């Protein structure tokens, strides 16, 4: 019987753990600091065990103690490399949903030498987006086509019936991660020209796009798209754009937050301060009574503007004391997001993923637009869509490795057929289905 060690029992862990436990050949040990989390994801399964511990701090000891065949690392992205390094040292396979950074790439050689698979970027975004893209690219190339342009956009949002706040967003992941993205650099290639947008400038390059049956959304570029020309094997493409989907109004609000330095990480003294005091200070105003006026002047907006109303609704002009004596502006916003942008019992989330490629087929002289679209809703009273779409792929990938179906070693993303074909097929059986279309241009 194979033994899987899962680090982290947070928001996306239950679908992952329960899918692993569906296989009678697998037993699972889950590590988390919260016993309630462990109980929720394991559901008293006879082949499941929980350990209350700090997985990030005690990873080495836990791997040695449990001695698993494979580690599924669901800890925040910052712990991807440290855990992967320990897995290589202990000769354990690892699956992880986080992006491959430069530090992870240094483990590729050692993992190959040890005959280990470190399968990364295996969630929703990154993950299902990669697998969908790679499958379509291979379909085009196998038929002699060339990819001229590539677009992939993805978003995890509250469903329309759960979109009950003026921000148009509810947390399906940690507030700190969401806020950190407000300063993320972005780079895209459009019609052969490279565009770079540093420090959150990407939010100033937003466009609107309709998803039939769901309405209109904002799209903005997500991080650096250019490496995916090589990752997807499409050096011929003159356009590559990977973006994020949000409800209309999100980008103008993030721009305003950046202008007020609300996501900065400089440590401040908040002793005796209220939210109103904090906002006045961020707007450069000494008199807290003038906080609203100062914010409007700083941003060039009126109190009737949607941005101002969102700030007010969030509580940024309240006379409540700040929840900390020292911290950063980002800490203040994270606290309010965690307090206000939350799902309530029975509410559904929504995942939208859309890939669009324009391909030219020289032999026939035809040009086709290939699209893959995933629209998935959370289950009221059950797992959220983001939990299923992020948690199921690593579980399926882990089973493939344990069953010897993945024969590639090293640090890898799920862009090879032996990985993406069975995972996408299994996801479809779980109700997570991509709709494929091809239309002549």
Protein backbone atom coordinates (compact mmCIF):
# COMPACT_ATOMS: atom_id res chain seq x y z
CA UNK A 1 0.00 0.00 0.00
CA UNK A 2 1.29 3.47 -0.91
CA UNK A 3 1.54 6.18 1.71
CA UNK A 4 0.95 9.87 0.91
CA UNK A 5 1.93 12.69 3.26
CA UNK A 6 -0.13 15.87 2.77
CA UNK A 7 1.20 19.14 4.16
CA UNK A 8 -1.61 21.57 4.91
CA UNK A 9 -5.35 21.06 5.49
CA UNK A 10 -6.55 24.47 4.36
CA UNK A 11 -9.22 25.60 1.91
CA UNK A 12 -8.36 23.26 -0.98
CA UNK A 13 -7.25 20.18 0.95
CA UNK A 14 -10.51 18.26 1.45
CA UNK A 15 -11.13 17.35 -2.23
CA UNK A 16 -7.45 16.40 -2.56
CA UNK A 17 -7.40 14.15 0.48
CA UNK A 18 -10.77 12.54 -0.20
CA UNK A 19 -9.80 11.75 -3.80
CA UNK A 20 -6.61 10.06 -2.61
CA UNK A 21 -8.61 8.02 -0.09
CA UNK A 22 -10.90 6.77 -2.86
CA UNK A 23 -8.00 4.54 -3.93
CA UNK A 24 -7.93 1.46 -1.68
CA UNK A 25 -4.20 1.13 -2.32
CA UNK A 26 -3.42 4.49 -0.65
CA UNK A 27 -3.33 5.63 2.95
CA UNK A 28 -2.97 9.31 3.76
CA UNK A 29 -1.39 11.27 6.60
CA UNK A 30 -2.30 14.96 6.79
CA UNK A 31 -0.40 17.57 8.81
CA UNK A 32 -1.94 20.83 9.98
CA UNK A 33 -1.79 23.02 13.08
CA UNK A 34 -5.60 23.09 13.40
CA UNK A 35 -7.29 19.87 14.60
CA UNK A 36 -10.60 21.10 13.15
CA UNK A 37 -9.03 21.32 9.70
CA UNK A 38 -7.74 17.77 10.02
CA UNK A 39 -11.15 16.47 11.07
CA UNK A 40 -12.81 18.29 8.16
CA UNK A 41 -10.54 16.91 5.44
CA UNK A 42 -10.16 13.35 6.80
CA UNK A 43 -13.79 12.70 7.83
CA UNK A 44 -12.71 9.82 10.10
CA UNK A 45 -11.61 7.72 7.15
CA UNK A 46 -10.00 4.45 8.29
CA UNK A 47 -6.99 4.94 5.99
CA UNK A 48 -6.51 8.55 7.03
CA UNK A 49 -4.44 9.94 9.89
CA UNK A 50 -4.00 13.49 11.14
CA UNK A 51 -0.96 14.99 12.82
CA UNK A 52 -1.25 18.32 14.63
CA UNK A 53 2.02 20.07 13.85
CA UNK A 54 3.58 22.99 12.01
CA UNK A 55 4.32 21.36 8.65
CA UNK A 56 6.39 24.27 7.40
CA UNK A 57 8.66 24.34 10.44
CA UNK A 58 8.84 20.58 11.04
CA UNK A 59 8.87 19.28 7.46
CA UNK A 60 12.19 17.42 7.77
CA UNK A 61 11.16 15.59 10.93
CA UNK A 62 7.71 14.79 9.58
CA UNK A 63 9.04 13.31 6.33
CA UNK A 64 11.48 11.14 8.30
CA UNK A 65 8.82 10.09 10.80
CA UNK A 66 6.04 9.26 8.36
CA UNK A 67 8.37 7.93 5.63
CA UNK A 68 5.84 8.42 2.79
CA UNK A 69 6.17 7.38 -0.82
CA UNK A 70 5.07 10.83 -1.96
CA UNK A 71 4.46 14.29 -0.47
CA UNK A 72 1.58 16.52 -1.57
CA UNK A 73 2.61 20.01 -0.53
CA UNK A 74 -0.41 22.30 -0.11
CA UNK A 75 1.43 24.90 1.97
CA UNK A 76 1.72 28.52 0.72
CA UNK A 77 4.00 29.09 -2.26
CA UNK A 78 6.90 30.31 -0.09
CA UNK A 79 7.32 26.76 1.24
CA UNK A 80 7.41 25.09 -2.17
CA UNK A 81 11.20 25.04 -2.56
CA UNK A 82 12.17 24.21 1.06
CA UNK A 83 9.82 21.21 1.11
CA UNK A 84 10.88 20.10 -2.37
CA UNK A 85 14.54 20.24 -1.33
CA UNK A 86 13.80 18.02 1.67
CA UNK A 87 11.90 15.61 -0.58
CA UNK A 88 14.89 15.28 -2.90
CA UNK A 89 17.20 14.68 0.06
CA UNK A 90 14.80 12.02 1.41
CA UNK A 91 14.19 10.54 -2.06
CA UNK A 92 10.43 11.23 -2.06
CA UNK A 93 8.28 12.29 -4.99
CA UNK A 94 6.39 15.56 -4.55
CA UNK A 95 3.30 17.20 -6.04
CA UNK A 96 2.60 20.91 -5.60
CA UNK A 97 0.17 23.46 -7.12
CA UNK A 98 2.49 26.50 -6.95
CA UNK A 99 4.45 28.22 -9.72
CA UNK A 100 7.95 26.97 -10.55
CA UNK A 101 10.44 29.70 -9.58
CA UNK A 102 14.18 29.86 -10.21
CA UNK A 103 15.03 28.16 -6.90
CA UNK A 104 12.90 25.14 -7.86
CA UNK A 105 14.71 24.84 -11.18
CA UNK A 106 17.96 24.12 -9.31
CA UNK A 107 16.43 20.86 -8.09
CA UNK A 108 15.76 19.53 -11.59
CA UNK A 109 19.16 17.83 -11.97
CA UNK A 110 19.27 16.29 -8.48
CA UNK A 111 15.68 15.04 -8.84
CA UNK A 112 16.46 13.38 -12.18
CA UNK A 113 19.57 11.75 -10.74
CA UNK A 114 17.49 10.37 -7.87
CA UNK A 115 14.70 9.16 -10.17
CA UNK A 116 12.19 11.51 -8.57
CA UNK A 117 9.21 13.36 -10.01
CA UNK A 118 8.55 16.86 -8.64
CA UNK A 119 5.27 17.63 -10.39
CA UNK A 120 4.48 21.30 -9.84
CA UNK A 121 2.00 23.93 -11.07
CA UNK A 122 -0.76 21.36 -10.69
CA UNK A 123 -3.88 23.18 -9.52
CA UNK A 124 -6.27 25.46 -11.38
CA UNK A 125 -4.09 28.42 -12.35
CA UNK A 126 -1.43 27.20 -12.67
CA UNK A 127 -2.54 23.69 -13.52
CA UNK A 128 -5.72 23.08 -15.49
CA UNK A 129 -4.83 26.12 -17.61
CA UNK A 130 -1.48 24.53 -18.50
CA UNK A 131 -3.03 21.17 -19.31
CA UNK A 132 -5.77 22.66 -21.47
CA UNK A 133 -3.26 24.82 -23.34
CA UNK A 134 -0.76 21.99 -23.90
CA UNK A 135 -3.46 19.66 -25.19
CA UNK A 136 -4.69 22.21 -27.73
CA UNK A 137 -1.18 23.19 -28.83
CA UNK A 138 -0.30 19.55 -29.43
CA UNK A 139 -3.56 19.07 -31.34
CA UNK A 140 -2.65 22.01 -33.61
CA UNK A 141 0.97 20.96 -34.14
CA UNK A 142 0.04 17.34 -34.82
CA UNK A 143 -2.06 18.58 -37.74
CA UNK A 144 0.70 20.74 -39.17
CA UNK A 145 -0.67 24.00 -37.77
CA UNK A 146 1.15 26.99 -36.30
CA UNK A 147 -0.08 28.91 -33.28
CA UNK A 148 -0.25 32.58 -34.20
CA UNK A 149 -1.75 33.91 -30.98
CA UNK A 150 -2.45 32.52 -27.52
CA UNK A 151 -4.68 33.93 -24.78
CA UNK A 152 -5.52 32.32 -21.46
CA UNK A 153 -7.60 34.03 -18.77
CA UNK A 154 -8.81 32.65 -15.46
CA UNK A 155 -10.70 33.87 -12.43
CA UNK A 156 -12.15 32.56 -9.18
CA UNK A 157 -15.09 34.72 -8.13
CA UNK A 158 -18.33 34.63 -6.19
CA UNK A 159 -21.19 33.36 -8.33
CA UNK A 160 -23.74 36.04 -9.25
CA UNK A 161 -26.09 34.92 -6.47
CA UNK A 162 -23.25 35.20 -3.95
CA UNK A 163 -21.87 38.50 -5.25
CA UNK A 164 -23.20 40.44 -2.28
CA UNK A 165 -20.57 43.11 -1.64
CA UNK A 166 -19.45 46.18 -3.63
CA UNK A 167 -15.98 44.75 -4.24
CA UNK A 168 -17.27 41.91 -6.42
CA UNK A 169 -14.91 39.49 -4.71
CA UNK A 170 -14.82 36.98 -1.86
CA UNK A 171 -11.79 35.16 -0.56
CA UNK A 172 -11.09 31.68 -1.78
CA UNK A 173 -7.42 31.95 -0.80
CA UNK A 174 -5.34 33.90 1.74
CA UNK A 175 -5.88 37.70 1.82
CA UNK A 176 -2.12 38.26 1.78
CA UNK A 177 -1.78 36.45 -1.55
CA UNK A 178 -4.61 38.43 -3.12
CA UNK A 179 -3.18 41.74 -1.93
CA UNK A 180 0.35 40.82 -2.95
CA UNK A 181 -0.85 40.44 -6.53
CA UNK A 182 -1.74 44.14 -6.50
CA UNK A 183 1.95 44.96 -6.96
CA UNK A 184 2.81 42.13 -9.35
CA UNK A 185 4.82 42.86 -12.48
CA UNK A 186 3.33 41.76 -15.80
CA UNK A 187 4.72 41.17 -19.27
CA UNK A 188 2.89 40.19 -22.46
CA UNK A 189 3.53 40.00 -26.19
CA UNK A 190 0.91 41.55 -28.47
CA UNK A 191 1.29 41.38 -32.25
CA UNK A 192 5.03 40.89 -31.90
CA UNK A 193 5.60 43.77 -29.45
CA UNK A 194 6.58 43.08 -25.84
CA UNK A 195 4.80 45.17 -23.19
CA UNK A 196 6.11 45.38 -19.62
CA UNK A 197 3.95 46.71 -16.77
CA UNK A 198 5.87 46.82 -13.45
CA UNK A 199 4.61 47.34 -9.93
CA UNK A 200 0.92 46.82 -10.55
CA UNK A 201 0.75 48.91 -13.70
CA UNK A 202 -1.05 45.98 -15.33
CA UNK A 203 -4.28 47.21 -13.69
CA UNK A 204 -4.11 50.30 -15.90
CA UNK A 205 -4.25 48.09 -19.00
CA UNK A 206 -7.63 46.49 -18.41
CA UNK A 207 -10.24 45.51 -20.96
CA UNK A 208 -13.78 44.20 -20.79
CA UNK A 209 -14.84 40.82 -22.09
CA UNK A 210 -18.13 38.96 -22.13
CA UNK A 211 -18.59 35.38 -21.03
CA UNK A 212 -21.87 34.21 -22.58
CA UNK A 213 -24.48 33.43 -19.99
CA UNK A 214 -22.50 35.05 -17.19
CA UNK A 215 -22.05 38.68 -18.23
CA UNK A 216 -19.17 41.11 -18.61
CA UNK A 217 -15.88 40.95 -16.75
CA UNK A 218 -12.58 42.82 -16.50
CA UNK A 219 -9.39 41.19 -17.79
CA UNK A 220 -5.86 42.23 -16.83
CA UNK A 221 -2.48 40.61 -17.48
CA UNK A 222 -1.19 38.12 -14.92
CA UNK A 223 2.57 38.09 -14.24
CA UNK A 224 5.04 37.22 -17.02
CA UNK A 225 3.48 35.51 -20.04
CA UNK A 226 6.61 35.27 -22.19
CA UNK A 227 8.17 32.13 -20.63
CA UNK A 228 5.10 30.22 -21.81
CA UNK A 229 6.18 30.57 -25.43
CA UNK A 230 8.84 28.00 -24.56
CA UNK A 231 6.80 26.12 -21.95
CA UNK A 232 3.98 25.46 -24.40
CA UNK A 233 6.31 24.99 -27.37
CA UNK A 234 4.89 27.87 -29.43
CA UNK A 235 7.88 30.08 -30.37
CA UNK A 236 6.02 30.97 -33.56
CA UNK A 237 3.26 32.87 -31.70
CA UNK A 238 3.31 36.64 -32.15
CA UNK A 239 0.84 37.16 -29.29
CA UNK A 240 0.82 35.58 -25.85
CA UNK A 241 -1.33 36.85 -23.02
CA UNK A 242 -2.17 35.22 -19.70
CA UNK A 243 -4.70 37.18 -17.68
CA UNK A 244 -6.96 37.31 -14.65
CA UNK A 245 -10.76 37.69 -14.65
CA UNK A 246 -12.56 39.97 -12.18
CA UNK A 247 -15.94 41.63 -11.91
CA UNK A 248 -16.09 45.15 -13.35
CA UNK A 249 -14.59 47.78 -11.02
CA UNK A 250 -11.83 45.69 -9.48
CA UNK A 251 -8.96 47.27 -11.41
CA UNK A 252 -9.86 50.90 -10.70
CA UNK A 253 -10.04 50.02 -7.01
CA UNK A 254 -6.61 48.36 -7.01
CA UNK A 255 -5.16 51.40 -8.80
CA UNK A 256 -6.57 53.60 -6.04
CA UNK A 257 -5.16 51.29 -3.36
CA UNK A 258 -1.74 51.50 -4.95
CA UNK A 259 -1.96 55.30 -5.17
CA UNK A 260 -2.67 55.45 -1.41
CA UNK A 261 0.10 52.88 -0.70
CA UNK A 262 -2.47 50.62 0.95
CA UNK A 263 -0.60 47.47 -0.05
CA UNK A 264 2.90 48.63 0.92
CA UNK A 265 4.99 46.57 3.32
CA UNK A 266 6.83 49.27 5.26
CA UNK A 267 6.33 48.72 9.00
CA UNK A 268 4.44 51.54 10.73
CA UNK A 269 3.57 52.45 14.32
CA UNK A 270 -0.21 52.19 14.65
CA UNK A 271 -0.38 52.80 18.40
CA UNK A 272 -3.67 54.49 19.30
CA UNK A 273 -4.76 54.79 15.64
CA UNK A 274 -8.20 54.17 14.18
CA UNK A 275 -8.96 53.20 10.59
CA UNK A 276 -9.88 56.83 9.95
CA UNK A 277 -6.51 57.98 11.36
CA UNK A 278 -4.77 55.44 9.15
CA UNK A 279 -6.53 56.59 5.98
CA UNK A 280 -5.85 60.24 6.73
CA UNK A 281 -2.17 59.43 7.16
CA UNK A 282 -2.04 57.43 3.93
CA UNK A 283 -3.59 60.40 2.10
CA UNK A 284 -1.10 62.84 3.64
CA UNK A 285 -3.64 64.60 5.90
CA UNK A 286 -2.83 65.49 9.53
CA UNK A 287 -6.47 65.96 10.58
CA UNK A 288 -8.33 62.63 10.75
CA UNK A 289 -11.66 64.48 10.49
CA UNK A 290 -10.71 65.32 6.92
CA UNK A 291 -9.82 61.74 5.91
CA UNK A 292 -12.61 61.38 3.33
CA UNK A 293 -11.85 64.75 1.78
CA UNK A 294 -8.13 64.00 1.65
CA UNK A 295 -8.62 60.61 0.02
CA UNK A 296 -10.89 62.08 -2.64
CA UNK A 297 -8.40 64.87 -3.35
CA UNK A 298 -5.46 62.46 -3.50
CA UNK A 299 -7.29 60.17 -5.95
CA UNK A 300 -9.10 62.86 -7.93
CA UNK A 301 -12.51 61.30 -7.20
CA UNK A 302 -15.79 62.32 -5.58
CA UNK A 303 -17.49 60.78 -2.53
CA UNK A 304 -20.12 59.45 -4.91
CA UNK A 305 -17.57 57.37 -6.82
CA UNK A 306 -17.64 53.58 -6.65
CA UNK A 307 -14.04 53.44 -5.40
CA UNK A 308 -14.82 55.71 -2.45
CA UNK A 309 -17.94 53.72 -1.62
CA UNK A 310 -15.93 50.48 -1.64
CA UNK A 311 -13.39 51.95 0.78
CA UNK A 312 -16.17 53.18 3.06
CA UNK A 313 -18.00 49.83 2.97
CA UNK A 314 -14.78 48.01 3.84
CA UNK A 315 -14.50 50.12 6.99
CA UNK A 316 -11.50 52.26 6.11
CA UNK A 317 -13.13 55.42 7.49
CA UNK A 318 -14.44 53.79 10.67
CA UNK A 319 -13.50 55.13 14.08
CA UNK A 320 -12.60 51.62 15.23
CA UNK A 321 -9.09 51.07 16.60
CA UNK A 322 -6.69 49.25 14.30
CA UNK A 323 -6.23 45.60 15.31
CA UNK A 324 -2.46 45.98 15.75
CA UNK A 325 0.00 48.43 17.26
CA UNK A 326 2.68 47.80 14.66
CA UNK A 327 2.37 46.49 11.15
CA UNK A 328 2.12 47.40 7.50
CA UNK A 329 -0.60 48.97 5.41
CA UNK A 330 -0.93 45.57 3.76
CA UNK A 331 -1.64 44.03 7.17
CA UNK A 332 -4.50 46.48 7.72
CA UNK A 333 -6.11 45.68 4.36
CA UNK A 334 -5.56 41.95 4.86
CA UNK A 335 -7.41 42.11 8.17
CA UNK A 336 -10.40 43.92 6.66
CA UNK A 337 -10.50 41.62 3.64
CA UNK A 338 -10.49 38.61 5.95
CA UNK A 339 -13.30 40.19 7.95
CA UNK A 340 -15.53 41.41 5.11
CA UNK A 341 -14.82 39.56 1.84
CA UNK A 342 -16.00 36.16 3.03
CA UNK A 343 -18.42 33.50 1.84
CA UNK A 344 -21.37 32.68 4.07
CA UNK A 345 -22.97 29.28 4.50
CA UNK A 346 -24.52 27.96 1.30
CA UNK A 347 -22.96 30.52 -1.06
CA UNK A 348 -21.40 29.36 -4.33
CA UNK A 349 -18.18 30.43 -5.93
CA UNK A 350 -17.47 30.47 -9.66
CA UNK A 351 -14.40 29.49 -11.68
CA UNK A 352 -13.97 30.67 -15.26
CA UNK A 353 -11.06 29.52 -17.43
CA UNK A 354 -10.84 30.41 -21.12
CA UNK A 355 -8.07 29.55 -23.58
CA UNK A 356 -8.15 30.98 -27.09
CA UNK A 357 -5.65 30.21 -29.84
CA UNK A 358 -5.52 31.33 -33.43
CA UNK A 359 -3.86 28.71 -35.61
CA UNK A 360 -2.82 28.76 -39.26
CA UNK A 361 -2.67 25.50 -41.22
CA UNK A 362 -0.30 26.01 -44.22
CA UNK A 363 -1.32 22.87 -46.14
CA UNK A 364 -4.96 23.86 -46.35
CA UNK A 365 -4.43 27.60 -46.08
CA UNK A 366 -7.06 27.75 -43.35
CA UNK A 367 -7.05 29.70 -40.11
CA UNK A 368 -9.01 28.47 -37.07
CA UNK A 369 -9.80 29.85 -33.66
CA UNK A 370 -9.60 27.12 -31.02
CA UNK A 371 -11.26 27.81 -27.67
CA UNK A 372 -11.42 25.82 -24.44
CA UNK A 373 -13.79 27.06 -21.75
CA UNK A 374 -14.35 25.88 -18.21
CA UNK A 375 -17.23 27.28 -16.17
CA UNK A 376 -17.59 25.57 -12.80
CA UNK A 377 -19.65 26.41 -9.70
CA UNK A 378 -19.11 25.45 -6.10
CA UNK A 379 -21.46 23.04 -4.40
CA UNK A 380 -23.72 24.81 -1.84
CA UNK A 381 -22.95 23.29 1.52
CA UNK A 382 -20.12 21.27 -0.04
CA UNK A 383 -16.76 21.94 -1.65
CA UNK A 384 -16.12 25.23 -3.39
CA UNK A 385 -15.19 25.24 -7.05
CA UNK A 386 -11.75 26.66 -6.27
CA UNK A 387 -11.18 23.84 -3.76
CA UNK A 388 -12.14 21.18 -6.30
CA UNK A 389 -10.27 22.69 -9.26
CA UNK A 390 -7.15 23.34 -7.16
CA UNK A 391 -7.27 20.29 -4.90
CA UNK A 392 -8.22 17.49 -7.29
CA UNK A 393 -5.38 17.88 -9.86
CA UNK A 394 -2.56 17.28 -7.32
CA UNK A 395 -4.39 14.23 -5.97
CA UNK A 396 -4.83 12.79 -9.45
CA UNK A 397 -1.19 13.59 -10.29
CA UNK A 398 -0.04 11.87 -7.11
CA UNK A 399 -1.97 8.72 -8.02
CA UNK A 400 -0.44 8.69 -11.49
CA UNK A 401 3.07 8.88 -10.03
CA UNK A 402 2.37 6.15 -7.46
CA UNK A 403 0.91 3.90 -10.17
CA UNK A 404 4.02 4.36 -12.34
CA UNK A 405 2.07 6.14 -15.09
CA UNK A 406 4.41 9.14 -15.07
CA UNK A 407 7.81 8.13 -16.35
CA UNK A 408 9.37 11.60 -16.50
CA UNK A 409 11.67 12.74 -13.70
CA UNK A 410 12.82 16.12 -12.47
CA UNK A 411 11.01 19.39 -11.83
CA UNK A 412 8.11 19.51 -14.24
CA UNK A 413 4.78 21.14 -14.99
CA UNK A 414 1.81 19.16 -16.36
CA UNK A 415 2.37 19.93 -20.05
CA UNK A 416 3.19 16.41 -21.29
CA UNK A 417 0.48 14.02 -22.55
CA UNK A 418 1.22 11.30 -20.00
CA UNK A 419 0.23 13.81 -17.31
CA UNK A 420 -2.46 16.03 -18.81
CA UNK A 421 -4.46 13.40 -20.70
CA UNK A 422 -5.37 11.22 -17.69
CA UNK A 423 -5.79 14.19 -15.35
CA UNK A 424 -8.18 16.03 -17.67
CA UNK A 425 -10.11 12.79 -18.26
CA UNK A 426 -10.44 12.19 -14.52
CA UNK A 427 -11.48 15.79 -13.89
CA UNK A 428 -14.20 15.40 -16.51
CA UNK A 429 -15.46 12.33 -14.68
CA UNK A 430 -15.59 14.52 -11.55
CA UNK A 431 -17.74 17.07 -13.40
CA UNK A 432 -14.96 19.56 -14.15
CA UNK A 433 -15.29 19.78 -17.89
CA UNK A 434 -13.68 21.94 -20.60
CA UNK A 435 -15.83 22.78 -23.62
CA UNK A 436 -13.79 22.73 -26.83
CA UNK A 437 -14.66 24.62 -30.02
CA UNK A 438 -12.97 25.36 -33.34
CA UNK A 439 -14.28 27.96 -35.80
CA UNK A 440 -12.99 29.17 -39.14
CA UNK A 441 -11.71 32.72 -39.45
